[in-house]
PDB file of N, CA and C in Angstrom:
ATOM      1  N   UNK A   1     285.127-125.785  83.830  1.00  0.00           N
ATOM      2  CA  UNK A   1     283.720-125.564  84.067  1.00  0.00           C
ATOM      3  C   UNK A   1     283.555-124.247  84.819  1.00  0.00           C
ATOM      4  N   UNK A   2     282.645-123.409  84.359  1.00  0.00           N
ATOM      5  CA  UNK A   2     282.433-122.091  84.968  1.00  0.00           C
ATOM      6  C   UNK A   2     281.678-122.228  86.278  1.00  0.00           C
ATOM      7  N   UNK A   3     282.068-121.414  87.235  1.00  0.00           N
ATOM      8  CA  UNK A   3     281.381-121.409  88.526  1.00  0.00           C
ATOM      9  C   UNK A   3     280.370-120.280  88.547  1.00  0.00           C
ATOM     10  N   UNK A   4     279.275-120.506  89.252  1.00  0.00           N
ATOM     11  CA  UNK A   4     278.274-119.457  89.412  1.00  0.00           C
ATOM     12  C   UNK A   4     278.838-118.378  90.319  1.00  0.00           C
ATOM     13  N   UNK A   5     278.586-117.149  89.949  1.00  0.00           N
ATOM     14  CA  UNK A   5     279.084-116.067  90.785  1.00  0.00           C
ATOM     15  C   UNK A   5     278.144-115.869  91.969  1.00  0.00           C
ATOM     16  N   UNK A   6     278.718-115.539  93.082  1.00  0.00           N
ATOM     17  CA  UNK A   6     277.908-115.270  94.261  1.00  0.00           C
ATOM     18  C   UNK A   6     277.962-113.791  94.546  1.00  0.00           C
ATOM     19  N   UNK A   7     276.843-113.240  94.979  1.00  0.00           N
ATOM     20  CA  UNK A   7     276.842-111.810  95.257  1.00  0.00           C
ATOM     21  C   UNK A   7     277.452-111.557  96.620  1.00  0.00           C
ATOM     22  N   UNK A   8     278.214-110.491  96.699  1.00  0.00           N
ATOM     23  CA  UNK A   8     278.831-110.160  97.973  1.00  0.00           C
ATOM     24  C   UNK A   8     277.813-109.466  98.856  1.00  0.00           C
ATOM     25  N   UNK A   9     278.068-109.471 100.147  1.00  0.00           N
ATOM     26  CA  UNK A   9     277.130-108.876 101.086  1.00  0.00           C
ATOM     27  C   UNK A   9     277.086-107.357 100.946  1.00  0.00           C
ATOM     28  N   UNK A  10     278.058-106.750 100.268  1.00  0.00           N
ATOM     29  CA  UNK A  10     278.060-105.300 100.104  1.00  0.00           C
ATOM     30  C   UNK A  10     277.182-104.845  98.934  1.00  0.00           C
ATOM     31  N   UNK A  11     276.775-105.753  98.058  1.00  0.00           N
ATOM     32  CA  UNK A  11     275.920-105.404  96.940  1.00  0.00           C
ATOM     33  C   UNK A  11     274.470-105.429  97.389  1.00  0.00           C
ATOM     34  N   UNK A  12     273.821-104.278  97.329  1.00  0.00           N
ATOM     35  CA  UNK A  12     272.430-104.172  97.740  1.00  0.00           C
ATOM     36  C   UNK A  12     271.543-104.222  96.503  1.00  0.00           C
ATOM     37  N   UNK A  13     270.434-104.894  96.619  1.00  0.00           N
ATOM     38  CA  UNK A  13     269.480-104.970  95.531  1.00  0.00           C
ATOM     39  C   UNK A  13     268.095-104.618  96.054  1.00  0.00           C
ATOM     40  N   UNK A  14     267.202-104.336  95.116  1.00  0.00           N
ATOM     41  CA  UNK A  14     265.817-104.079  95.483  1.00  0.00           C
ATOM     42  C   UNK A  14     264.929-104.760  94.460  1.00  0.00           C
ATOM     43  N   UNK A  15     263.690-105.005  94.836  1.00  0.00           N
ATOM     44  CA  UNK A  15     262.731-105.641  93.944  1.00  0.00           C
ATOM     45  C   UNK A  15     261.879-104.571  93.279  1.00  0.00           C
ATOM     46  N   UNK A  16     261.685-104.722  91.968  1.00  0.00           N
ATOM     47  CA  UNK A  16     260.924-103.759  91.188  1.00  0.00           C
ATOM     48  C   UNK A  16     259.846-104.507  90.403  1.00  0.00           C
ATOM     49  N   UNK A  17     258.611-104.008  90.462  1.00  0.00           N
ATOM     50  CA  UNK A  17     257.528-104.581  89.664  1.00  0.00           C
ATOM     51  C   UNK A  17     257.631-104.058  88.238  1.00  0.00           C
ATOM     52  N   UNK A  18     257.496-104.956  87.284  1.00  0.00           N
ATOM     53  CA  UNK A  18     257.562-104.579  85.874  1.00  0.00           C
ATOM     54  C   UNK A  18     256.439-105.253  85.103  1.00  0.00           C
ATOM     55  N   UNK A  19     256.105-104.671  83.948  1.00  0.00           N
ATOM     56  CA  UNK A  19     255.205-105.295  82.989  1.00  0.00           C
ATOM     57  C   UNK A  19     256.048-105.748  81.813  1.00  0.00           C
ATOM     58  N   UNK A  20     255.800-106.958  81.360  1.00  0.00           N
ATOM     59  CA  UNK A  20     256.506-107.504  80.202  1.00  0.00           C
ATOM     60  C   UNK A  20     255.462-107.728  79.111  1.00  0.00           C
ATOM     61  N   UNK A  21     255.633-107.035  77.998  1.00  0.00           N
ATOM     62  CA  UNK A  21     254.667-107.103  76.906  1.00  0.00           C
ATOM     63  C   UNK A  21     255.322-107.755  75.702  1.00  0.00           C
ATOM     64  N   UNK A  22     254.618-108.720  75.105  1.00  0.00           N
ATOM     65  CA  UNK A  22     255.080-109.374  73.880  1.00  0.00           C
ATOM     66  C   UNK A  22     253.906-109.511  72.915  1.00  0.00           C
ATOM     67  N   UNK A  23     254.232-109.693  71.647  1.00  0.00           N
ATOM     68  CA  UNK A  23     253.241-109.985  70.612  1.00  0.00           C
ATOM     69  C   UNK A  23     253.643-111.320  69.990  1.00  0.00           C
ATOM     70  N   UNK A  24     253.191-112.429  70.589  1.00  0.00           N
ATOM     71  CA  UNK A  24     253.625-113.756  70.121  1.00  0.00           C
ATOM     72  C   UNK A  24     253.293-114.036  68.660  1.00  0.00           C
ATOM     73  N   UNK A  25     252.227-113.421  68.134  1.00  0.00           N
ATOM     74  CA  UNK A  25     251.816-113.672  66.758  1.00  0.00           C
ATOM     75  C   UNK A  25     252.569-112.859  65.727  1.00  0.00           C
ATOM     76  N   UNK A  26     253.430-111.974  66.164  1.00  0.00           N
ATOM     77  CA  UNK A  26     254.183-111.147  65.231  1.00  0.00           C
ATOM     78  C   UNK A  26     254.029-109.673  65.560  1.00  0.00           C
ATOM     79  N   UNK A  27     254.646-108.813  64.781  1.00  0.00           N
ATOM     80  CA  UNK A  27     254.659-107.378  65.071  1.00  0.00           C
ATOM     81  C   UNK A  27     253.260-106.799  65.289  1.00  0.00           C
ATOM     82  N   UNK A  28     253.181-105.895  66.253  1.00  0.00           N
ATOM     83  CA  UNK A  28     251.901-105.291  66.636  1.00  0.00           C
ATOM     84  C   UNK A  28     252.154-103.891  67.182  1.00  0.00           C
ATOM     85  N   UNK A  29     251.305-102.933  66.821  1.00  0.00           N
ATOM     86  CA  UNK A  29     251.374-101.577  67.373  1.00  0.00           C
ATOM     87  C   UNK A  29     250.113-101.329  68.184  1.00  0.00           C
ATOM     88  N   UNK A  30     250.303-100.720  69.342  1.00  0.00           N
ATOM     89  CA  UNK A  30     249.145-100.375  70.172  1.00  0.00           C
ATOM     90  C   UNK A  30     249.516 -99.201  71.058  1.00  0.00           C
ATOM     91  N   UNK A  31     248.675 -98.178  71.084  1.00  0.00           N
ATOM     92  CA  UNK A  31     248.823 -97.009  71.958  1.00  0.00           C
ATOM     93  C   UNK A  31     250.191 -96.342  71.803  1.00  0.00           C
ATOM     94  N   UNK A  32     250.681 -96.279  70.553  1.00  0.00           N
ATOM     95  CA  UNK A  32     251.935 -95.593  70.295  1.00  0.00           C
ATOM     96  C   UNK A  32     253.192 -96.412  70.517  1.00  0.00           C
ATOM     97  N   UNK A  33     253.060 -97.690  70.823  1.00  0.00           N
ATOM     98  CA  UNK A  33     254.215 -98.563  71.062  1.00  0.00           C
ATOM     99  C   UNK A  33     254.195 -99.724  70.085  1.00  0.00           C
ATOM    100  N   UNK A  34     255.383-100.179  69.708  1.00  0.00           N
ATOM    101  CA  UNK A  34     255.528-101.345  68.829  1.00  0.00           C
ATOM    102  C   UNK A  34     255.966-102.541  69.661  1.00  0.00           C
ATOM    103  N   UNK A  35     255.381-103.689  69.370  1.00  0.00           N
ATOM    104  CA  UNK A  35     255.724-104.921  70.080  1.00  0.00           C
ATOM    105  C   UNK A  35     255.969-106.024  69.065  1.00  0.00           C
ATOM    106  N   UNK A  36     256.790-107.006  69.466  1.00  0.00           N
ATOM    107  CA  UNK A  36     257.020-108.190  68.651  1.00  0.00           C
ATOM    108  C   UNK A  36     257.242-109.366  69.599  1.00  0.00           C
ATOM    109  N   UNK A  37     257.852-110.429  69.092  1.00  0.00           N
ATOM    110  CA  UNK A  37     258.047-111.617  69.926  1.00  0.00           C
ATOM    111  C   UNK A  37     259.036-111.400  71.065  1.00  0.00           C
ATOM    112  N   UNK A  38     259.905-110.406  70.934  1.00  0.00           N
ATOM    113  CA  UNK A  38     260.870-110.100  71.997  1.00  0.00           C
ATOM    114  C   UNK A  38     260.149-109.381  73.146  1.00  0.00           C
ATOM    115  N   UNK A  39     260.633-109.608  74.366  1.00  0.00           N
ATOM    116  CA  UNK A  39     260.027-108.979  75.534  1.00  0.00           C
ATOM    117  C   UNK A  39     260.345-107.484  75.578  1.00  0.00           C
ATOM    118  N   UNK A  40     259.328-106.679  75.831  1.00  0.00           N
ATOM    119  CA  UNK A  40     259.491-105.252  76.083  1.00  0.00           C
ATOM    120  C   UNK A  40     259.114-105.039  77.545  1.00  0.00           C
ATOM    121  N   UNK A  41     260.048-104.525  78.334  1.00  0.00           N
ATOM    122  CA  UNK A  41     259.861-104.421  79.787  1.00  0.00           C
ATOM    123  C   UNK A  41     259.628-102.965  80.169  1.00  0.00           C
ATOM    124  N   UNK A  42     258.590-102.739  80.980  1.00  0.00           N
ATOM    125  CA  UNK A  42     258.233-101.412  81.454  1.00  0.00           C
ATOM    126  C   UNK A  42     258.166-101.385  82.975  1.00  0.00           C
ATOM    127  N   UNK A  43     258.774-100.367  83.571  1.00  0.00           N
ATOM    128  CA  UNK A  43     258.576-100.095  84.998  1.00  0.00           C
ATOM    129  C   UNK A  43     257.485 -99.028  85.102  1.00  0.00           C
ATOM    130  N   UNK A  44     257.018 -98.766  86.311  1.00  0.00           N
ATOM    131  CA  UNK A  44     256.023 -97.717  86.520  1.00  0.00           C
ATOM    132  C   UNK A  44     256.577 -96.373  86.051  1.00  0.00           C
ATOM    133  N   UNK A  45     257.862 -96.137  86.292  1.00  0.00           N
ATOM    134  CA  UNK A  45     258.487 -94.880  85.866  1.00  0.00           C
ATOM    135  C   UNK A  45     258.502 -94.772  84.340  1.00  0.00           C
ATOM    136  N   UNK A  46     258.691 -95.887  83.644  1.00  0.00           N
ATOM    137  CA  UNK A  46     258.685 -95.879  82.182  1.00  0.00           C
ATOM    138  C   UNK A  46     257.317 -95.481  81.635  1.00  0.00           C
ATOM    139  N   UNK A  47     256.259 -95.919  82.308  1.00  0.00           N
ATOM    140  CA  UNK A  47     254.901 -95.680  81.830  1.00  0.00           C
ATOM    141  C   UNK A  47     254.417 -94.270  82.133  1.00  0.00           C
ATOM    142  N   UNK A  48     254.915 -93.677  83.202  1.00  0.00           N
ATOM    143  CA  UNK A  48     254.558 -92.309  83.544  1.00  0.00           C
ATOM    144  C   UNK A  48     253.107 -92.134  83.961  1.00  0.00           C
ATOM    145  N   UNK A  49     252.615 -90.923  83.810  1.00  0.00           N
ATOM    146  CA  UNK A  49     251.259 -90.570  84.253  1.00  0.00           C
ATOM    147  C   UNK A  49     250.175 -91.291  83.479  1.00  0.00           C
ATOM    148  N   UNK A  50     250.429 -91.629  82.232  1.00  0.00           N
ATOM    149  CA  UNK A  50     249.444 -92.300  81.377  1.00  0.00           C
ATOM    150  C   UNK A  50     249.529 -93.819  81.480  1.00  0.00           C
ATOM    151  N   UNK A  51     250.234 -94.319  82.459  1.00  0.00           N
ATOM    152  CA  UNK A  51     250.456 -95.755  82.585  1.00  0.00           C
ATOM    153  C   UNK A  51     249.194 -96.580  82.618  1.00  0.00           C
ATOM    154  N   UNK A  52     248.219 -96.148  83.400  1.00  0.00           N
ATOM    155  CA  UNK A  52     246.963 -96.906  83.520  1.00  0.00           C
ATOM    156  C   UNK A  52     246.255 -96.999  82.166  1.00  0.00           C
ATOM    157  N   UNK A  53     246.212 -95.896  81.431  1.00  0.00           N
ATOM    158  CA  UNK A  53     245.566 -95.887  80.118  1.00  0.00           C
ATOM    159  C   UNK A  53     246.306 -96.791  79.124  1.00  0.00           C
ATOM    160  N   UNK A  54     247.633 -96.742  79.151  1.00  0.00           N
ATOM    161  CA  UNK A  54     248.416 -97.595  78.262  1.00  0.00           C
ATOM    162  C   UNK A  54     248.160 -99.066  78.534  1.00  0.00           C
ATOM    163  N   UNK A  55     248.211 -99.446  79.799  1.00  0.00           N
ATOM    164  CA  UNK A  55     248.019-100.850  80.163  1.00  0.00           C
ATOM    165  C   UNK A  55     246.613-101.315  79.782  1.00  0.00           C
ATOM    166  N   UNK A  56     245.604-100.475  79.982  1.00  0.00           N
ATOM    167  CA  UNK A  56     244.234-100.840  79.594  1.00  0.00           C
ATOM    168  C   UNK A  56     244.141-101.066  78.079  1.00  0.00           C
ATOM    169  N   UNK A  57     244.789-100.209  77.298  1.00  0.00           N
ATOM    170  CA  UNK A  57     244.779-100.369  75.834  1.00  0.00           C
ATOM    171  C   UNK A  57     245.483-101.656  75.430  1.00  0.00           C
ATOM    172  N   UNK A  58     246.620-101.944  76.059  1.00  0.00           N
ATOM    173  CA  UNK A  58     247.346-103.170  75.729  1.00  0.00           C
ATOM    174  C   UNK A  58     246.552-104.406  76.132  1.00  0.00           C
ATOM    175  N   UNK A  59     245.918-104.369  77.302  1.00  0.00           N
ATOM    176  CA  UNK A  59     245.134-105.526  77.757  1.00  0.00           C
ATOM    177  C   UNK A  59     243.912-105.768  76.863  1.00  0.00           C
ATOM    178  N   UNK A  60     243.392-104.721  76.223  1.00  0.00           N
ATOM    179  CA  UNK A  60     242.224-104.859  75.350  1.00  0.00           C
ATOM    180  C   UNK A  60     242.577-105.540  74.022  1.00  0.00           C
ATOM    181  N   UNK A  61     243.859-105.649  73.719  1.00  0.00           N
ATOM    182  CA  UNK A  61     244.303-106.263  72.465  1.00  0.00           C
ATOM    183  C   UNK A  61     244.597-107.745  72.699  1.00  0.00           C
ATOM    184  N   UNK A  62     243.777-108.641  72.133  1.00  0.00           N
ATOM    185  CA  UNK A  62     243.982-110.077  72.369  1.00  0.00           C
ATOM    186  C   UNK A  62     245.260-110.630  71.740  1.00  0.00           C
ATOM    187  N   UNK A  63     245.918-109.844  70.895  1.00  0.00           N
ATOM    188  CA  UNK A  63     247.144-110.306  70.246  1.00  0.00           C
ATOM    189  C   UNK A  63     248.397-109.981  71.070  1.00  0.00           C
ATOM    190  N   UNK A  64     248.216-109.276  72.192  1.00  0.00           N
ATOM    191  CA  UNK A  64     249.341-108.960  73.067  1.00  0.00           C
ATOM    192  C   UNK A  64     249.288-109.818  74.317  1.00  0.00           C
ATOM    193  N   UNK A  65     250.456-110.204  74.784  1.00  0.00           N
ATOM    194  CA  UNK A  65     250.587-110.955  76.027  1.00  0.00           C
ATOM    195  C   UNK A  65     251.256-110.034  77.048  1.00  0.00           C
ATOM    196  N   UNK A  66     250.619-109.862  78.199  1.00  0.00           N
ATOM    197  CA  UNK A  66     251.143-108.973  79.229  1.00  0.00           C
ATOM    198  C   UNK A  66     251.332-109.765  80.517  1.00  0.00           C
ATOM    199  N   UNK A  67     252.565-109.768  81.017  1.00  0.00           N
ATOM    200  CA  UNK A  67     252.890-110.451  82.270  1.00  0.00           C
ATOM    201  C   UNK A  67     253.359-109.424  83.285  1.00  0.00           C
ATOM    202  N   UNK A  68     252.979-109.625  84.529  1.00  0.00           N
ATOM    203  CA  UNK A  68     253.493-108.809  85.619  1.00  0.00           C
ATOM    204  C   UNK A  68     254.551-109.635  86.334  1.00  0.00           C
ATOM    205  N   UNK A  69     255.715-109.037  86.557  1.00  0.00           N
ATOM    206  CA  UNK A  69     256.824-109.730  87.212  1.00  0.00           C
ATOM    207  C   UNK A  69     257.476-108.817  88.241  1.00  0.00           C
ATOM    208  N   UNK A  70     258.233-109.423  89.105  1.00  0.00           N
ATOM    209  CA  UNK A  70     259.080-108.682  90.037  1.00  0.00           C
ATOM    210  C   UNK A  70     260.511-109.096  89.737  1.00  0.00           C
ATOM    211  N   UNK A  71     261.350-108.095  89.461  1.00  0.00           N
ATOM    212  CA  UNK A  71     262.750-108.384  89.156  1.00  0.00           C
ATOM    213  C   UNK A  71     263.636-107.762  90.218  1.00  0.00           C
ATOM    214  N   UNK A  72     264.839-108.256  90.314  1.00  0.00           N
ATOM    215  CA  UNK A  72     265.810-107.751  91.281  1.00  0.00           C
ATOM    216  C   UNK A  72     266.826-106.898  90.534  1.00  0.00           C
ATOM    217  N   UNK A  73     267.000-105.657  90.998  1.00  0.00           N
ATOM    218  CA  UNK A  73     267.945-104.736  90.359  1.00  0.00           C
ATOM    219  C   UNK A  73     268.880-104.165  91.416  1.00  0.00           C
ATOM    220  N   UNK A  74     270.056-103.697  91.004  1.00  0.00           N
ATOM    221  CA  UNK A  74     270.964-103.068  91.973  1.00  0.00           C
ATOM    222  C   UNK A  74     270.307-101.837  92.580  1.00  0.00           C
ATOM    223  N   UNK A  75     270.512-101.645  93.860  1.00  0.00           N
ATOM    224  CA  UNK A  75     269.941-100.506  94.561  1.00  0.00           C
ATOM    225  C   UNK A  75     270.859 -99.312  94.373  1.00  0.00           C
ATOM    226  N   UNK A  76     270.537 -98.462  93.422  1.00  0.00           N
ATOM    227  CA  UNK A  76     271.366 -97.295  93.109  1.00  0.00           C
ATOM    228  C   UNK A  76     271.251 -96.213  94.160  1.00  0.00           C
ATOM    229  N   UNK A  77     270.179 -96.238  94.950  1.00  0.00           N
ATOM    230  CA  UNK A  77     269.969 -95.210  95.967  1.00  0.00           C
ATOM    231  C   UNK A  77     270.785 -95.470  97.222  1.00  0.00           C
ATOM    232  N   UNK A  78     271.310 -96.674  97.372  1.00  0.00           N
ATOM    233  CA  UNK A  78     272.103 -97.004  98.552  1.00  0.00           C
ATOM    234  C   UNK A  78     273.500 -96.431  98.370  1.00  0.00           C
ATOM    235  N   UNK A  79     273.728 -95.256  98.945  1.00  0.00           N
ATOM    236  CA  UNK A  79     275.000 -94.562  98.712  1.00  0.00           C
ATOM    237  C   UNK A  79     275.941 -94.684  99.898  1.00  0.00           C
ATOM    238  N   UNK A  80     275.886 -95.792 100.563  1.00  0.00           N
ATOM    239  CA  UNK A  80     276.883 -96.048 101.597  1.00  0.00           C
ATOM    240  C   UNK A  80     276.388 -95.942 103.016  1.00  0.00           C
ATOM    241  N   UNK A  81     276.336 -97.069 103.682  1.00  0.00           N
ATOM    242  CA  UNK A  81     276.138 -97.106 105.111  1.00  0.00           C
ATOM    243  C   UNK A  81     274.711 -97.162 105.608  1.00  0.00           C
ATOM    244  N   UNK A  82     273.780 -96.490 104.974  1.00  0.00           N
ATOM    245  CA  UNK A  82     272.423 -96.480 105.509  1.00  0.00           C
ATOM    246  C   UNK A  82     271.605 -97.552 104.843  1.00  0.00           C
ATOM    247  N   UNK A  83     270.848 -98.235 105.631  1.00  0.00           N
ATOM    248  CA  UNK A  83     270.000 -99.297 105.115  1.00  0.00           C
ATOM    249  C   UNK A  83     268.593 -98.749 104.975  1.00  0.00           C
ATOM    250  N   UNK A  84     268.043 -98.825 103.756  1.00  0.00           N
ATOM    251  CA  UNK A  84     266.738 -98.245 103.515  1.00  0.00           C
ATOM    252  C   UNK A  84     265.686 -99.267 103.129  1.00  0.00           C
ATOM    253  N   UNK A  85     265.824-100.473 103.593  1.00  0.00           N
ATOM    254  CA  UNK A  85     264.831-101.496 103.276  1.00  0.00           C
ATOM    255  C   UNK A  85     264.032-101.856 104.480  1.00  0.00           C
TER     256      UNK A  85
END
């Protein structure tokens, strides 16, 4: 039986807000992006300067499902010794 892995105290993580967009009814294009039943995950950096406009266009489409989530990712900026949280 497999054991769950435990994270060591040396592994630092951070929380990142993301948007998860799906098209439960099947393939859909909106604002230059294609969506389907699989989750497409966007961070603020992925959306860039036009992020607000993109999200408004996606929210206006009743065939798209948009969820806001917070995920935990490895802290790549933690380069040894300094705590930045």
